[in-house]
């Protein structure tokens, strides 16, 4: 019990410190500042777009990992989960080397279409998708492995094609896993810092998300940094509440 109690104190005490140090009397005016609204709006929009992209690409990828008989699935799974263990700033450098003006793909986009991705809002969405999509893939893959495949076999026996089976049988079976993965993906995208600042920069109104605004405010206005951190803490707690049945069990 003693090590467990120390573990709880270690994890909870910083949150308590944030709540105790919050300038509650200044909370309203601080949140009403234009920079806070811009950063919050950009964070919510970019995290939502990153989640949408992750759903479109990640759900089929999870199905391939869970249900297909593709050779080399273990290698593919390892590659997909690399962003989970890769330092985010390294991910930002990697994205820059691929999509930068001199990158493997970026130089072609610049020469053919005049498109420059780094240091734009699009770069924010790409960076957040890169670090957040593995959370969705892992969650959905686990749901697919836990789902009873006999329902899909029965649908195929009754004449349903693959798309119909996937849409009418598979998706409803794994809908809770998709929802949980989407929430995790959104929360991870909202809190992304390293890849974003490396690949997209820190420009107010364009690429400055809430975590970047916290970092900047901490250097010049600690009270503003605390207020911004409190907003992100509230979002994190809301995410935990949405996933309470998955992580905390029913109470």
C-alpha atoms as a PDB file:
ATOM      1  CA  UNK A   1       0.000   0.000   0.000  1.00  0.00           C
ATOM      2  CA  UNK A   2       2.847   2.398   0.745  1.00  0.00           C
ATOM      3  CA  UNK A   3       4.400   2.271  -2.768  1.00  0.00           C
ATOM      4  CA  UNK A   4       0.899   2.458  -4.245  1.00  0.00           C
ATOM      5  CA  UNK A   5       0.127   5.547  -2.166  1.00  0.00           C
ATOM      6  CA  UNK A   6       3.406   7.139  -3.229  1.00  0.00           C
ATOM      7  CA  UNK A   7       2.507   6.410  -6.844  1.00  0.00           C
ATOM      8  CA  UNK A   8      -0.868   8.103  -6.434  1.00  0.00           C
ATOM      9  CA  UNK A   9       0.733  11.142  -4.790  1.00  0.00           C
ATOM     10  CA  UNK A  10       3.343  11.352  -7.541  1.00  0.00           C
ATOM     11  CA  UNK A  11       0.682  11.339 -10.264  1.00  0.00           C
ATOM     12  CA  UNK A  12      -1.977  13.471  -8.565  1.00  0.00           C
ATOM     13  CA  UNK A  13       0.117  16.109  -6.779  1.00  0.00           C
ATOM     14  CA  UNK A  14       1.094  18.026  -9.963  1.00  0.00           C
ATOM     15  CA  UNK A  15      -2.591  18.315 -10.908  1.00  0.00           C
ATOM     16  CA  UNK A  16      -3.394  19.566  -7.404  1.00  0.00           C
ATOM     17  CA  UNK A  17      -0.555  22.052  -7.698  1.00  0.00           C
ATOM     18  CA  UNK A  18      -2.024  23.350 -10.954  1.00  0.00           C
ATOM     19  CA  UNK A  19      -5.465  23.780  -9.377  1.00  0.00           C
ATOM     20  CA  UNK A  20      -4.060  25.481  -6.273  1.00  0.00           C
ATOM     21  CA  UNK A  21      -1.913  27.882  -8.315  1.00  0.00           C
ATOM     22  CA  UNK A  22      -4.680  28.868 -10.723  1.00  0.00           C
ATOM     23  CA  UNK A  23      -5.549  32.586 -10.489  1.00  0.00           C
ATOM     24  CA  UNK A  24      -9.296  31.938 -10.246  1.00  0.00           C
ATOM     25  CA  UNK A  25     -10.145  35.644  -9.978  1.00  0.00           C
ATOM     26  CA  UNK A  26      -8.472  36.271 -13.348  1.00  0.00           C
ATOM     27  CA  UNK A  27      -9.888  33.196 -15.045  1.00  0.00           C
ATOM     28  CA  UNK A  28     -12.652  34.951 -16.984  1.00  0.00           C
ATOM     29  CA  UNK A  29     -10.570  37.854 -18.325  1.00  0.00           C
ATOM     30  CA  UNK A  30      -7.710  35.529 -19.207  1.00  0.00           C
ATOM     31  CA  UNK A  31      -9.956  33.199 -21.170  1.00  0.00           C
ATOM     32  CA  UNK A  32     -11.488  36.196 -22.956  1.00  0.00           C
ATOM     33  CA  UNK A  33      -8.123  37.323 -24.356  1.00  0.00           C
ATOM     34  CA  UNK A  34      -8.014  37.096 -28.196  1.00  0.00           C
ATOM     35  CA  UNK A  35      -4.919  34.890 -28.267  1.00  0.00           C
ATOM     36  CA  UNK A  36      -6.549  32.285 -26.051  1.00  0.00           C
ATOM     37  CA  UNK A  37      -9.635  32.079 -28.250  1.00  0.00           C
ATOM     38  CA  UNK A  38      -7.552  31.766 -31.411  1.00  0.00           C
ATOM     39  CA  UNK A  39      -5.363  29.021 -29.945  1.00  0.00           C
ATOM     40  CA  UNK A  40      -8.368  27.125 -28.584  1.00  0.00           C
ATOM     41  CA  UNK A  41     -10.261  27.390 -31.872  1.00  0.00           C
ATOM     42  CA  UNK A  42      -7.257  26.232 -33.879  1.00  0.00           C
ATOM     43  CA  UNK A  43      -6.636  23.350 -31.471  1.00  0.00           C
ATOM     44  CA  UNK A  44     -10.226  22.109 -31.622  1.00  0.00           C
ATOM     45  CA  UNK A  45     -10.499  22.444 -35.411  1.00  0.00           C
ATOM     46  CA  UNK A  46      -7.139  20.836 -36.159  1.00  0.00           C
ATOM     47  CA  UNK A  47      -7.691  18.001 -33.657  1.00  0.00           C
ATOM     48  CA  UNK A  48     -11.125  17.325 -35.152  1.00  0.00           C
ATOM     49  CA  UNK A  49      -9.744  17.277 -38.700  1.00  0.00           C
ATOM     50  CA  UNK A  50      -6.892  15.009 -37.604  1.00  0.00           C
ATOM     51  CA  UNK A  51      -9.407  12.642 -36.017  1.00  0.00           C
ATOM     52  CA  UNK A  52     -11.530  12.619 -39.178  1.00  0.00           C
ATOM     53  CA  UNK A  53      -8.497  11.749 -41.298  1.00  0.00           C
ATOM     54  CA  UNK A  54      -7.510   9.070 -38.796  1.00  0.00           C
ATOM     55  CA  UNK A  55     -10.968   7.523 -38.979  1.00  0.00           C
ATOM     56  CA  UNK A  56     -10.924   7.407 -42.776  1.00  0.00           C
ATOM     57  CA  UNK A  57      -7.454   5.856 -42.915  1.00  0.00           C
ATOM     58  CA  UNK A  58      -7.148   4.133 -39.553  1.00  0.00           C
ATOM     59  CA  UNK A  59     -10.304   2.000 -39.476  1.00  0.00           C
ATOM     60  CA  UNK A  60      -9.466   0.170 -42.745  1.00  0.00           C
ATOM     61  CA  UNK A  61      -5.874  -0.179 -41.551  1.00  0.00           C
ATOM     62  CA  UNK A  62      -7.066  -1.723 -38.293  1.00  0.00           C
ATOM     63  CA  UNK A  63      -9.257  -4.131 -40.260  1.00  0.00           C
ATOM     64  CA  UNK A  64      -6.248  -5.203 -42.340  1.00  0.00           C
ATOM     65  CA  UNK A  65      -4.219  -5.817 -39.186  1.00  0.00           C
ATOM     66  CA  UNK A  66      -7.011  -7.728 -37.438  1.00  0.00           C
ATOM     67  CA  UNK A  67      -8.809  -9.675 -40.155  1.00  0.00           C
ATOM     68  CA  UNK A  68      -6.749  -9.963 -43.314  1.00  0.00           C
ATOM     69  CA  UNK A  69      -4.247 -12.718 -44.027  1.00  0.00           C
ATOM     70  CA  UNK A  70      -1.730 -10.339 -45.502  1.00  0.00           C
ATOM     71  CA  UNK A  71       1.814 -11.554 -45.116  1.00  0.00           C
ATOM     72  CA  UNK A  72       4.019  -9.337 -43.001  1.00  0.00           C
ATOM     73  CA  UNK A  73       1.209  -8.061 -40.791  1.00  0.00           C
ATOM     74  CA  UNK A  74       3.483  -8.106 -37.757  1.00  0.00           C
ATOM     75  CA  UNK A  75       5.949  -5.856 -39.549  1.00  0.00           C
ATOM     76  CA  UNK A  76       3.120  -3.577 -40.661  1.00  0.00           C
ATOM     77  CA  UNK A  77       1.808  -3.379 -37.090  1.00  0.00           C
ATOM     78  CA  UNK A  78       5.261  -2.468 -35.838  1.00  0.00           C
ATOM     79  CA  UNK A  79       5.552   0.296 -38.423  1.00  0.00           C
ATOM     80  CA  UNK A  80       2.115   1.648 -37.581  1.00  0.00           C
ATOM     81  CA  UNK A  81       2.901   1.825 -33.867  1.00  0.00           C
ATOM     82  CA  UNK A  82       6.271   3.555 -34.313  1.00  0.00           C
ATOM     83  CA  UNK A  83       4.782   7.040 -33.687  1.00  0.00           C
ATOM     84  CA  UNK A  84       3.675   5.828 -30.241  1.00  0.00           C
ATOM     85  CA  UNK A  85       7.282   5.428 -29.083  1.00  0.00           C
ATOM     86  CA  UNK A  86       8.953   7.940 -31.382  1.00  0.00           C
ATOM     87  CA  UNK A  87       9.781  11.262 -29.692  1.00  0.00           C
ATOM     88  CA  UNK A  88       7.310  13.762 -31.187  1.00  0.00           C
ATOM     89  CA  UNK A  89      10.039  16.209 -32.155  1.00  0.00           C
ATOM     90  CA  UNK A  90      11.702  13.430 -34.163  1.00  0.00           C
ATOM     91  CA  UNK A  91       8.369  12.826 -35.867  1.00  0.00           C
ATOM     92  CA  UNK A  92       8.273  16.511 -36.777  1.00  0.00           C
ATOM     93  CA  UNK A  93      11.758  16.329 -38.258  1.00  0.00           C
ATOM     94  CA  UNK A  94      10.760  13.214 -40.230  1.00  0.00           C
ATOM     95  CA  UNK A  95       7.664  14.967 -41.595  1.00  0.00           C
ATOM     96  CA  UNK A  96       9.797  17.951 -42.548  1.00  0.00           C
ATOM     97  CA  UNK A  97      12.221  15.737 -44.448  1.00  0.00           C
ATOM     98  CA  UNK A  98       9.336  14.201 -46.386  1.00  0.00           C
ATOM     99  CA  UNK A  99       6.975  17.135 -46.899  1.00  0.00           C
ATOM    100  CA  UNK A 100       9.328  20.101 -46.665  1.00  0.00           C
ATOM    101  CA  UNK A 101      10.190  22.121 -49.778  1.00  0.00           C
ATOM    102  CA  UNK A 102      13.301  19.992 -50.211  1.00  0.00           C
ATOM    103  CA  UNK A 103      11.688  16.804 -48.922  1.00  0.00           C
ATOM    104  CA  UNK A 104      11.058  13.564 -50.741  1.00  0.00           C
ATOM    105  CA  UNK A 105       7.449  14.464 -51.554  1.00  0.00           C
ATOM    106  CA  UNK A 106       7.453  18.155 -50.727  1.00  0.00           C
ATOM    107  CA  UNK A 107       9.829  19.147 -53.509  1.00  0.00           C
ATOM    108  CA  UNK A 108       7.523  17.469 -56.042  1.00  0.00           C
ATOM    109  CA  UNK A 109       4.464  19.224 -54.593  1.00  0.00           C
ATOM    110  CA  UNK A 110       6.290  22.546 -54.751  1.00  0.00           C
ATOM    111  CA  UNK A 111       7.498  22.047 -58.331  1.00  0.00           C
ATOM    112  CA  UNK A 112       4.238  20.652 -59.712  1.00  0.00           C
ATOM    113  CA  UNK A 113       1.587  22.592 -57.795  1.00  0.00           C
ATOM    114  CA  UNK A 114       3.426  25.321 -55.905  1.00  0.00           C
ATOM    115  CA  UNK A 115       2.262  23.818 -52.595  1.00  0.00           C
ATOM    116  CA  UNK A 116       4.276  24.444 -49.453  1.00  0.00           C
ATOM    117  CA  UNK A 117       3.026  22.511 -46.443  1.00  0.00           C
ATOM    118  CA  UNK A 118       5.364  23.316 -43.515  1.00  0.00           C
ATOM    119  CA  UNK A 119       4.428  26.235 -41.238  1.00  0.00           C
ATOM    120  CA  UNK A 120       0.775  26.169 -42.290  1.00  0.00           C
ATOM    121  CA  UNK A 121      -2.431  25.039 -40.621  1.00  0.00           C
ATOM    122  CA  UNK A 122      -2.351  21.986 -42.881  1.00  0.00           C
ATOM    123  CA  UNK A 123       0.991  21.076 -41.347  1.00  0.00           C
ATOM    124  CA  UNK A 124      -0.631  21.189 -37.895  1.00  0.00           C
ATOM    125  CA  UNK A 125      -3.303  18.701 -38.984  1.00  0.00           C
ATOM    126  CA  UNK A 126      -0.711  16.416 -40.591  1.00  0.00           C
ATOM    127  CA  UNK A 127       1.534  16.454 -37.512  1.00  0.00           C
ATOM    128  CA  UNK A 128      -1.375  15.718 -35.199  1.00  0.00           C
ATOM    129  CA  UNK A 129      -2.630  12.915 -37.435  1.00  0.00           C
ATOM    130  CA  UNK A 130       0.822  11.345 -37.507  1.00  0.00           C
ATOM    131  CA  UNK A 131       1.099  11.095 -33.729  1.00  0.00           C
ATOM    132  CA  UNK A 132      -2.579  10.387 -32.947  1.00  0.00           C
ATOM    133  CA  UNK A 133      -3.736   7.869 -35.546  1.00  0.00           C
ATOM    134  CA  UNK A 134      -1.913   4.881 -33.950  1.00  0.00           C
ATOM    135  CA  UNK A 135      -4.141   5.260 -30.873  1.00  0.00           C
ATOM    136  CA  UNK A 136      -7.202   4.834 -33.062  1.00  0.00           C
ATOM    137  CA  UNK A 137      -5.714   1.918 -35.002  1.00  0.00           C
ATOM    138  CA  UNK A 138      -4.778   0.002 -31.851  1.00  0.00           C
ATOM    139  CA  UNK A 139      -8.183   0.573 -30.265  1.00  0.00           C
ATOM    140  CA  UNK A 140     -10.132  -0.483 -33.353  1.00  0.00           C
ATOM    141  CA  UNK A 141      -7.868  -3.482 -33.994  1.00  0.00           C
ATOM    142  CA  UNK A 142      -8.481  -4.685 -30.447  1.00  0.00           C
ATOM    143  CA  UNK A 143     -12.233  -4.292 -30.921  1.00  0.00           C
ATOM    144  CA  UNK A 144     -12.111  -6.223 -34.192  1.00  0.00           C
ATOM    145  CA  UNK A 145     -10.162  -9.065 -32.620  1.00  0.00           C
ATOM    146  CA  UNK A 146     -12.660  -9.243 -29.765  1.00  0.00           C
ATOM    147  CA  UNK A 147     -15.706  -9.188 -32.058  1.00  0.00           C
ATOM    148  CA  UNK A 148     -17.247 -12.503 -33.060  1.00  0.00           C
ATOM    149  CA  UNK A 149     -16.352 -13.105 -36.714  1.00  0.00           C
ATOM    150  CA  UNK A 150     -19.180 -15.630 -37.081  1.00  0.00           C
ATOM    151  CA  UNK A 151     -21.635 -12.785 -37.664  1.00  0.00           C
ATOM    152  CA  UNK A 152     -19.590 -11.662 -40.660  1.00  0.00           C
ATOM    153  CA  UNK A 153     -19.385 -15.248 -41.921  1.00  0.00           C
ATOM    154  CA  UNK A 154     -23.150 -15.566 -41.632  1.00  0.00           C
ATOM    155  CA  UNK A 155     -23.660 -12.350 -43.594  1.00  0.00           C
ATOM    156  CA  UNK A 156     -21.333 -13.616 -46.335  1.00  0.00           C
ATOM    157  CA  UNK A 157     -23.207 -16.918 -46.415  1.00  0.00           C
ATOM    158  CA  UNK A 158     -26.454 -15.005 -46.952  1.00  0.00           C
ATOM    159  CA  UNK A 159     -24.992 -13.288 -49.996  1.00  0.00           C
ATOM    160  CA  UNK A 160     -23.689  -9.993 -48.611  1.00  0.00           C
ATOM    161  CA  UNK A 161     -20.596  -8.656 -50.340  1.00  0.00           C
ATOM    162  CA  UNK A 162     -17.535  -7.456 -48.424  1.00  0.00           C
ATOM    163  CA  UNK A 163     -18.562  -3.789 -48.349  1.00  0.00           C
ATOM    164  CA  UNK A 164     -22.097  -4.571 -47.188  1.00  0.00           C
ATOM    165  CA  UNK A 165     -20.792  -6.910 -44.511  1.00  0.00           C
ATOM    166  CA  UNK A 166     -18.307  -4.329 -43.324  1.00  0.00           C
ATOM    167  CA  UNK A 167     -20.892  -1.531 -43.281  1.00  0.00           C
ATOM    168  CA  UNK A 168     -23.894  -3.410 -41.866  1.00  0.00           C
ATOM    169  CA  UNK A 169     -22.239  -5.984 -39.595  1.00  0.00           C
ATOM    170  CA  UNK A 170     -18.604  -5.185 -38.761  1.00  0.00           C
ATOM    171  CA  UNK A 171     -18.939  -1.468 -38.049  1.00  0.00           C
ATOM    172  CA  UNK A 172     -21.879  -1.867 -35.631  1.00  0.00           C
ATOM    173  CA  UNK A 173     -19.990  -4.630 -33.807  1.00  0.00           C
ATOM    174  CA  UNK A 174     -16.897  -2.486 -33.246  1.00  0.00           C
ATOM    175  CA  UNK A 175     -18.636   0.896 -32.900  1.00  0.00           C
ATOM    176  CA  UNK A 176     -17.708   1.250 -29.186  1.00  0.00           C
ATOM    177  CA  UNK A 177     -14.058   0.559 -30.006  1.00  0.00           C
ATOM    178  CA  UNK A 178     -14.135   3.095 -32.833  1.00  0.00           C
ATOM    179  CA  UNK A 179     -15.720   5.688 -30.556  1.00  0.00           C
ATOM    180  CA  UNK A 180     -13.131   5.094 -27.827  1.00  0.00           C
ATOM    181  CA  UNK A 181     -10.298   5.216 -30.345  1.00  0.00           C
ATOM    182  CA  UNK A 182     -11.659   8.438 -31.847  1.00  0.00           C
ATOM    183  CA  UNK A 183     -11.820  10.092 -28.422  1.00  0.00           C
ATOM    184  CA  UNK A 184      -8.272   9.009 -27.609  1.00  0.00           C
ATOM    185  CA  UNK A 185      -7.102  10.167 -31.015  1.00  0.00           C
ATOM    186  CA  UNK A 186      -8.768  13.560 -30.590  1.00  0.00           C
ATOM    187  CA  UNK A 187      -7.329  14.072 -27.114  1.00  0.00           C
ATOM    188  CA  UNK A 188      -3.830  13.092 -28.268  1.00  0.00           C
ATOM    189  CA  UNK A 189      -4.082  15.437 -31.248  1.00  0.00           C
ATOM    190  CA  UNK A 190      -5.294  18.277 -29.030  1.00  0.00           C
ATOM    191  CA  UNK A 191      -2.275  17.897 -26.752  1.00  0.00           C
ATOM    192  CA  UNK A 192       0.347  17.446 -29.465  1.00  0.00           C
ATOM    193  CA  UNK A 193       3.382  19.732 -29.097  1.00  0.00           C
ATOM    194  CA  UNK A 194       6.725  18.415 -30.365  1.00  0.00           C
ATOM    195  CA  UNK A 195       5.844  17.420 -33.922  1.00  0.00           C
ATOM    196  CA  UNK A 196       3.670  20.519 -34.338  1.00  0.00           C
ATOM    197  CA  UNK A 197       6.267  23.074 -33.299  1.00  0.00           C
ATOM    198  CA  UNK A 198       8.935  21.340 -35.392  1.00  0.00           C
ATOM    199  CA  UNK A 199       6.914  20.872 -38.574  1.00  0.00           C
ATOM    200  CA  UNK A 200       4.356  23.693 -38.365  1.00  0.00           C
ATOM    201  CA  UNK A 201       6.043  26.334 -36.233  1.00  0.00           C
ATOM    202  CA  UNK A 202       4.452  28.605 -33.657  1.00  0.00           C
ATOM    203  CA  UNK A 203       2.571  31.372 -35.463  1.00  0.00           C
ATOM    204  CA  UNK A 204      -0.446  32.898 -33.647  1.00  0.00           C
ATOM    205  CA  UNK A 205      -3.694  32.344 -35.514  1.00  0.00           C
ATOM    206  CA  UNK A 206      -2.105  29.951 -38.006  1.00  0.00           C
ATOM    207  CA  UNK A 207      -0.198  27.187 -36.237  1.00  0.00           C
ATOM    208  CA  UNK A 208      -0.191  28.165 -32.551  1.00  0.00           C
ATOM    209  CA  UNK A 209      -2.294  25.527 -30.814  1.00  0.00           C
ATOM    210  CA  UNK A 210      -3.034  25.463 -27.091  1.00  0.00           C
ATOM    211  CA  UNK A 211       0.077  23.489 -26.040  1.00  0.00           C
ATOM    212  CA  UNK A 212       2.264  25.896 -28.012  1.00  0.00           C
ATOM    213  CA  UNK A 213       0.469  28.861 -26.461  1.00  0.00           C
ATOM    214  CA  UNK A 214       1.140  27.391 -23.007  1.00  0.00           C
ATOM    215  CA  UNK A 215       4.836  27.031 -23.810  1.00  0.00           C
ATOM    216  CA  UNK A 216       5.065  30.625 -25.061  1.00  0.00           C
ATOM    217  CA  UNK A 217       3.045  32.069 -22.180  1.00  0.00           C
ATOM    218  CA  UNK A 218       5.169  30.257 -19.595  1.00  0.00           C
ATOM    219  CA  UNK A 219       8.153  32.361 -20.652  1.00  0.00           C
ATOM    220  CA  UNK A 220       6.464  35.745 -20.352  1.00  0.00           C
ATOM    221  CA  UNK A 221       3.247  35.347 -18.311  1.00  0.00           C
ATOM    222  CA  UNK A 222       3.117  32.323 -15.964  1.00  0.00           C
ATOM    223  CA  UNK A 223      -0.448  33.090 -14.873  1.00  0.00           C
ATOM    224  CA  UNK A 224      -1.645  32.910 -18.480  1.00  0.00           C
ATOM    225  CA  UNK A 225       0.202  29.607 -18.890  1.00  0.00           C
ATOM    226  CA  UNK A 226      -1.583  28.232 -15.821  1.00  0.00           C
ATOM    227  CA  UNK A 227      -4.985  29.277 -17.158  1.00  0.00           C
ATOM    228  CA  UNK A 228      -4.296  27.693 -20.555  1.00  0.00           C
ATOM    229  CA  UNK A 229      -3.070  24.543 -18.826  1.00  0.00           C
ATOM    230  CA  UNK A 230      -6.285  24.450 -16.821  1.00  0.00           C
ATOM    231  CA  UNK A 231      -8.292  24.434 -20.059  1.00  0.00           C
ATOM    232  CA  UNK A 232      -6.301  21.464 -21.351  1.00  0.00           C
ATOM    233  CA  UNK A 233      -6.724  19.729 -17.991  1.00  0.00           C
ATOM    234  CA  UNK A 234     -10.497  20.170 -18.258  1.00  0.00           C
ATOM    235  CA  UNK A 235     -10.441  18.641 -21.727  1.00  0.00           C
ATOM    236  CA  UNK A 236      -8.388  15.712 -20.443  1.00  0.00           C
ATOM    237  CA  UNK A 237     -10.823  15.087 -17.599  1.00  0.00           C
ATOM    238  CA  UNK A 238     -13.743  15.259 -20.024  1.00  0.00           C
ATOM    239  CA  UNK A 239     -12.000  12.676 -22.204  1.00  0.00           C
ATOM    240  CA  UNK A 240     -11.541  10.397 -19.192  1.00  0.00           C
ATOM    241  CA  UNK A 241     -15.234  10.724 -18.355  1.00  0.00           C
ATOM    242  CA  UNK A 242     -16.173   9.774 -21.905  1.00  0.00           C
ATOM    243  CA  UNK A 243     -14.037   6.650 -21.563  1.00  0.00           C
ATOM    244  CA  UNK A 244     -15.073   5.819 -17.995  1.00  0.00           C
ATOM    245  CA  UNK A 245     -16.823   2.597 -18.978  1.00  0.00           C
ATOM    246  CA  UNK A 246     -13.715   1.457 -20.845  1.00  0.00           C
ATOM    247  CA  UNK A 247     -11.094   2.355 -18.240  1.00  0.00           C
ATOM    248  CA  UNK A 248     -12.880   2.772 -14.920  1.00  0.00           C
ATOM    249  CA  UNK A 249     -15.687   0.277 -15.305  1.00  0.00           C
ATOM    250  CA  UNK A 250     -19.315   0.978 -14.527  1.00  0.00           C
ATOM    251  CA  UNK A 251     -19.930   2.575 -11.150  1.00  0.00           C
END
